Protein backbone atom coordinates (compact mmCIF):
# COMPACT_ATOMS: atom_id res chain seq x y z
CA MET A 1 27.37 -23.03 -29.77
CA LEU A 2 28.38 -19.40 -29.34
CA LYS A 3 25.18 -18.69 -27.39
CA LEU A 4 25.98 -21.54 -25.01
CA VAL A 5 29.52 -20.25 -24.46
CA LEU A 6 28.22 -16.73 -23.77
CA TYR A 7 25.57 -18.07 -21.41
CA CYS A 8 28.18 -20.06 -19.48
CA PHE A 9 30.54 -17.08 -19.37
CA ASN A 10 27.81 -14.77 -18.04
CA PHE A 11 26.84 -17.37 -15.45
CA ILE A 12 30.45 -17.63 -14.24
CA VAL A 13 30.73 -13.82 -14.06
CA LYS A 14 27.55 -13.64 -11.96
CA ILE A 15 28.86 -16.29 -9.58
CA TYR A 16 32.20 -14.47 -9.31
CA TRP A 17 30.56 -11.16 -8.31
CA TYR A 18 28.11 -12.88 -5.99
CA LEU A 19 31.00 -14.51 -4.10
CA THR A 20 33.07 -11.31 -4.15
CA TYR A 21 30.24 -9.24 -2.66
CA LYS A 22 29.51 -11.97 -0.10
CA MET A 23 33.15 -11.75 1.01
CA LEU A 24 32.95 -7.94 1.28
CA ARG A 25 29.86 -8.23 3.50
CA LYS A 26 31.89 -10.38 5.89
CA LYS A 27 34.96 -8.11 5.89
CA TYR A 28 33.11 -4.81 6.42
CA ASP A 29 30.05 -3.67 8.37
CA ILE A 30 27.57 -3.80 5.49
CA HIS A 31 23.85 -4.12 6.15
CA PRO A 32 22.32 -7.20 4.47
CA THR A 33 19.93 -4.98 2.47
CA LEU A 34 22.73 -3.14 0.64
CA ARG A 35 22.33 -3.64 -3.10
CA PHE A 36 25.44 -4.00 -5.21
CA ASN A 37 24.03 -2.59 -8.48
CA GLY A 38 26.50 -3.86 -11.04
CA ASN A 39 29.94 -5.35 -11.36
CA ASP A 40 33.40 -4.06 -10.52
CA ILE A 41 32.44 -2.48 -7.20
CA LEU A 42 35.60 -2.33 -5.12
CA LEU A 43 35.74 -1.87 -1.34
CA TYR A 44 39.24 -2.09 0.06
CA GLY A 45 41.64 -1.06 2.79
CA ASN A 46 42.31 -1.96 6.42
CA GLY A 47 40.01 0.76 7.77
CA LYS A 48 36.31 0.49 8.55
CA ILE A 49 33.51 0.67 6.01
CA ARG A 50 29.96 0.84 7.36
CA ILE A 51 26.95 0.98 5.05
CA ASP A 52 23.50 1.16 6.60
CA GLU A 53 20.19 -0.39 5.55
CA GLY A 54 18.42 0.16 2.26
CA SER A 55 21.35 1.76 0.43
CA TYR A 56 22.76 0.82 -2.94
CA ILE A 57 26.02 1.39 -4.78
CA GLY A 58 26.42 1.36 -8.54
CA GLY A 59 28.86 -0.53 -10.73
CA LEU A 60 32.47 0.56 -11.15
CA SER A 61 32.42 2.40 -7.81
CA THR A 62 35.29 2.36 -5.31
CA ILE A 63 35.39 2.90 -1.55
CA GLN A 64 38.81 3.00 0.08
CA ALA A 65 39.27 3.00 3.87
CA GLU A 66 42.84 3.61 4.99
CA GLU A 67 43.93 2.00 8.25
CA ASN A 68 42.54 3.96 11.24
CA SER A 69 39.98 5.66 8.97
CA THR A 70 36.26 5.10 8.47
CA VAL A 71 33.76 5.47 5.65
CA ALA A 72 30.21 5.62 7.03
CA ILE A 73 27.23 5.65 4.67
CA GLY A 74 23.76 6.18 6.11
CA LYS A 75 20.37 4.64 5.51
CA TYR A 76 18.69 4.58 2.10
CA CYS A 77 21.55 6.29 0.24
CA MET A 78 21.67 6.13 -3.53
CA ILE A 79 25.25 5.97 -4.77
CA SER A 80 25.39 5.91 -8.54
CA HIS A 81 27.97 4.24 -10.77
CA ASN A 82 31.66 5.14 -10.98
CA VAL A 83 31.69 6.97 -7.63
CA ARG A 84 35.03 7.26 -5.81
CA ILE A 85 35.23 7.66 -2.03
CA TYR A 86 38.69 7.85 -0.45
CA THR A 87 40.00 8.33 3.10
CA SER A 88 43.59 8.90 1.95
CA SER A 89 45.21 10.97 -0.78
CA ALA A 90 48.68 12.19 -1.68
CA ILE A 91 49.49 15.81 -0.86
CA ALA A 92 50.15 17.57 -4.18
CA ASP A 93 52.65 20.14 -2.87
CA GLN A 94 55.63 17.84 -2.41
CA ASP A 95 58.60 16.39 -4.24
CA PHE A 96 57.36 13.04 -5.58
CA SER A 97 60.93 11.84 -6.17
CA SER A 98 61.35 11.68 -2.37
CA PHE A 99 59.97 8.73 -0.47
CA PRO A 100 57.78 8.11 1.44
CA HIS A 101 55.17 10.41 -0.06
CA LYS A 102 53.18 12.63 2.27
CA THR A 103 49.48 11.86 2.47
CA ARG A 104 46.43 13.31 4.12
CA THR A 105 43.79 11.10 5.65
CA GLY A 106 40.34 11.65 7.05
CA ASP A 107 37.08 9.87 7.70
CA VAL A 108 34.25 10.19 5.19
CA SER A 109 30.65 10.37 6.38
CA ILE A 110 27.52 10.38 4.22
CA GLY A 111 24.24 10.97 6.06
CA ASP A 112 20.91 9.21 5.58
CA PHE A 113 18.84 9.56 2.38
CA CYS A 114 21.62 11.06 0.22
CA TRP A 115 21.89 10.83 -3.55
CA ILE A 116 25.41 10.76 -4.95
CA GLY A 117 25.38 11.13 -8.76
CA ALA A 118 27.47 9.30 -11.32
CA ASN A 119 31.23 9.91 -11.54
CA VAL A 120 31.47 11.79 -8.23
CA PHE A 121 34.78 11.96 -6.36
CA ILE A 122 34.63 12.41 -2.56
CA ASN A 123 37.89 13.54 -0.92
CA PRO A 124 39.23 12.39 2.46
CA GLY A 125 37.82 14.10 5.54
CA VAL A 126 34.48 15.08 3.97
CA SER A 127 31.10 14.89 5.68
CA ILE A 128 27.86 15.05 3.68
CA GLY A 129 24.70 15.85 5.63
CA SER A 130 21.47 13.87 5.43
CA ASN A 131 19.13 14.33 2.48
CA ALA A 132 21.83 16.01 0.38
CA VAL A 133 22.30 15.61 -3.37
CA VAL A 134 25.67 15.67 -5.12
CA GLY A 135 25.30 16.17 -8.87
CA ALA A 136 27.00 13.96 -11.44
CA ASN A 137 30.68 14.58 -12.25
CA SER A 138 31.26 16.59 -9.07
CA VAL A 139 34.36 16.69 -6.86
CA VAL A 140 33.53 17.06 -3.17
CA THR A 141 36.37 18.85 -1.36
CA LYS A 142 34.60 20.16 1.76
CA ASP A 143 31.73 19.31 4.09
CA LEU A 144 28.24 19.64 2.60
CA PRO A 145 25.24 20.47 4.82
CA GLY A 146 22.08 18.39 4.72
CA ASN A 147 18.99 19.25 2.67
CA THR A 148 21.08 20.86 -0.07
CA ILE A 149 22.01 20.27 -3.70
CA PHE A 150 25.67 20.62 -4.67
CA ALA A 151 27.37 20.13 -8.05
CA GLY A 152 30.49 21.05 -9.96
CA VAL A 153 34.27 20.94 -9.69
CA PRO A 154 34.74 21.70 -6.90
CA ALA A 155 31.19 21.02 -5.71
CA ARG A 156 29.34 24.26 -4.99
CA LEU A 157 25.93 24.97 -3.51
CA ILE A 158 23.25 24.99 -6.20
CA ARG A 159 20.43 25.58 -3.74
CA SER A 160 18.79 24.38 -0.57
CA LYS A 161 15.92 21.97 -0.99
CA THR A 162 12.55 23.71 -1.02
CA ALA A 163 10.14 20.77 -1.27
CA LEU A 164 10.77 19.18 2.13
CA GLU A 165 7.93 17.22 3.69
CA LYS A 166 7.44 17.54 7.43
């Protein structure tokens, strides 16, 4: 009996995420080949989110697009699990007892063929060049050029890629 209950529960969860991701594809400009790799992937906000062909995003990841802001993810990007991409953030140097809070906003752009590791946080206003790698547990606070490997808090250049095929 317990196996039947678990089977039914898992089936309902799969249907829930299928319908949720179908709704997100209608709300945002998401290529039909995007793979939602896992549950609890959250895309939200009144801005624009565009994800190009062949990309995937891992479970527990969040993409937030503030109104009048855009998140653009290129072709064949690999976005691991628990990645956070935001176009808006509170400014730390302020009195939080005063309202409204001051925020900074900025578009986020990720080029083609990028690999974003697990648990990465990408700040508002950041652009990541094509074929770049961001190592796991990194915090991206500034633009990253293409064909490079960055990691750390804040993300720093590890090296340029040396094995590029022409």
